[in-house]
Protein backbone atom coordinates (compact mmCIF):
# COMPACT_ATOMS: atom_id res chain seq x y z
CA MET A 1 0.00 0.00 0.00
CA HIS A 2 2.71 2.50 0.88
CA PHE A 3 4.06 2.48 -2.70
CA LEU A 4 0.62 3.09 -4.21
CA LEU A 5 -0.20 5.70 -1.60
CA GLY A 6 2.17 8.09 -3.37
CA MET A 7 -0.03 7.92 -6.47
CA ALA A 8 -3.32 8.74 -4.70
CA LYS A 9 -3.33 12.49 -5.44
CA GLN A 10 -2.51 12.01 -9.11
CA ILE A 11 -5.17 9.32 -9.51
CA ARG A 12 -7.80 11.45 -7.78
CA ASP A 13 -6.90 14.56 -9.77
CA GLU A 14 -6.66 12.92 -13.18
CA VAL A 15 -9.52 10.44 -12.95
CA ARG A 16 -11.67 12.66 -10.72
CA VAL A 17 -12.89 9.88 -8.47
CA PRO A 18 -12.60 9.32 -4.73
CA VAL A 19 -9.57 7.23 -3.82
CA VAL A 20 -10.01 4.43 -1.28
CA PHE A 21 -7.16 2.34 0.12
CA SER A 22 -7.29 -0.90 2.04
CA LEU A 23 -5.07 -1.33 5.08
CA GLN A 24 -3.66 -4.73 5.96
CA ASP A 25 -0.23 -5.53 7.41
CA GLU A 26 1.51 -2.27 6.44
CA ASP A 27 2.89 -2.08 9.97
CA VAL A 28 4.57 -5.48 9.60
CA TRP A 29 6.47 -4.38 6.51
CA VAL A 30 7.40 -0.89 7.63
CA ASP A 31 8.31 -1.81 11.20
CA ALA A 32 10.62 -4.57 9.89
CA MET A 33 12.77 -1.96 8.13
CA GLU A 34 15.95 -0.52 9.53
CA GLU A 35 15.23 2.06 12.19
CA SER A 36 16.85 4.83 10.14
CA TRP A 37 14.20 4.37 7.43
CA ARG A 38 11.21 3.37 9.52
CA GLU A 39 10.20 6.83 10.80
CA ARG A 40 10.87 8.46 7.42
CA ILE A 41 8.49 6.02 5.76
CA TRP A 42 5.77 6.48 8.40
CA GLN A 43 6.10 10.26 8.00
CA LEU A 44 5.82 10.03 4.23
CA MET A 45 2.79 7.75 4.57
CA ARG A 46 1.19 10.26 6.98
CA GLU A 47 1.65 13.04 4.43
CA LYS A 48 0.36 10.99 1.49
CA ALA A 49 -2.62 9.72 3.50
CA LYS A 50 -4.06 13.23 3.26
CA ASP A 51 -4.60 12.59 -0.47
CA VAL A 52 -6.83 9.56 0.20
CA ASP A 53 -10.57 9.98 0.60
CA ALA A 54 -11.16 6.84 2.67
CA PHE A 55 -9.36 3.86 4.15
CA ILE A 56 -10.68 0.37 4.81
CA ALA A 57 -9.12 -1.59 7.67
CA VAL A 58 -9.60 -5.33 8.19
CA SER A 59 -10.42 -5.01 11.90
CA ALA A 60 -11.17 -2.43 14.57
CA TYR A 61 -7.87 -3.35 16.21
CA PHE A 62 -5.87 -2.70 13.05
CA SER A 63 -7.88 0.45 12.37
CA GLY A 64 -6.65 1.80 15.71
CA ILE A 65 -3.04 0.92 14.93
CA MET A 66 -3.13 2.63 11.57
CA LYS A 67 -5.02 5.67 12.89
CA ASP A 68 -2.14 6.21 15.29
CA LYS A 69 0.74 5.38 12.95
CA MET A 70 -0.62 7.30 9.96
CA GLN A 71 -2.64 9.92 11.87
CA ILE A 72 -5.78 9.07 9.91
CA PRO A 73 -8.88 10.93 11.11
CA SER A 74 -11.60 8.60 12.41
CA GLU A 75 -14.08 9.76 9.79
CA LYS A 76 -11.75 8.61 6.97
CA ILE A 77 -11.35 5.02 8.14
CA ASN A 78 -13.89 2.20 8.00
CA VAL A 79 -13.71 -1.41 9.13
CA VAL A 80 -14.66 -4.21 6.74
CA HIS A 81 -13.88 -7.61 8.21
CA ILE A 82 -12.29 -10.16 5.92
CA GLY A 83 -13.34 -13.76 5.96
CA VAL A 84 -16.18 -16.03 5.11
CA ARG A 85 -19.54 -16.62 6.71
CA PRO A 86 -19.40 -20.18 8.00
CA GLU A 87 -23.19 -20.54 7.92
CA SER A 88 -22.97 -20.37 4.12
CA TYR A 89 -21.10 -23.69 3.98
CA VAL A 90 -22.19 -27.24 4.64
CA TYR A 91 -19.94 -29.20 7.00
CA SER A 92 -18.47 -32.43 5.71
CA ALA A 93 -16.23 -34.76 7.66
CA PRO A 94 -12.56 -34.34 6.81
CA ALA A 95 -10.87 -36.99 4.71
CA THR A 96 -8.62 -39.30 6.70
CA SER A 97 -6.59 -40.67 3.80
CA PRO A 98 -4.13 -39.40 3.02
CA LEU A 99 -3.45 -37.69 6.34
CA ALA A 100 -2.83 -34.00 5.93
CA ILE A 101 -2.06 -30.89 7.92
CA GLY A 102 -2.97 -27.39 6.85
CA TYR A 103 -1.96 -23.80 7.41
CA LEU A 104 -4.06 -20.81 6.40
CA SER A 105 -2.10 -17.63 6.99
CA ARG A 106 0.74 -15.49 5.73
CA ILE A 107 3.94 -17.54 5.87
CA CYS A 108 5.89 -15.83 8.63
CA GLU A 109 7.24 -16.56 12.09
CA GLU A 110 4.77 -14.19 13.78
CA ASN A 111 1.84 -16.27 12.49
CA GLY A 112 3.27 -19.58 13.66
CA PHE A 113 4.81 -20.93 10.48
CA GLY A 114 7.81 -22.19 12.48
CA ILE A 115 5.45 -24.21 14.69
CA LEU A 116 3.91 -25.77 11.58
CA VAL A 117 7.35 -26.76 10.28
CA ASP A 118 8.30 -28.24 13.66
CA ALA A 119 5.00 -30.18 13.78
CA PHE A 120 5.52 -31.49 10.25
CA ILE A 121 9.02 -32.74 11.11
CA LEU A 122 7.72 -34.37 14.30
CA LEU A 123 4.78 -36.03 12.54
CA LYS A 124 7.03 -37.44 9.80
CA SER A 125 8.66 -39.63 12.48
CA TYR A 126 5.34 -41.50 13.04
CA PRO A 127 4.70 -44.45 10.69
CA GLN A 128 1.13 -43.41 9.90
CA PHE A 129 2.45 -40.15 8.43
CA GLU A 130 4.98 -41.74 6.10
CA THR A 131 4.38 -41.17 2.41
């Protein structure tokens, strides 16, 4: 998002439409940068955020984080939860052959990917998990 944020004013001015940006995980990427760049990038994003008509955050929690980090006024940020509505799906028993494990998230240490790798290695030592 932070790369595209710099184009918001030009898009709004040339196309003459409101510009809306979604917010999801920008803090992870920016905060992982070297400290010497981190604050410069947040400052630039604060400045460029003024050219955006509205923001959509994936949760109230993340909305609060980005309001603080980017100094977005409350009236310019909305929450639209991502996900599916489970009641729209019919449950079916999981298949038991072949055995499988799953992971539904961004592949990173913070979201437990290392735990998944450790579990996979451990499970491979059990005969029922051999291929």
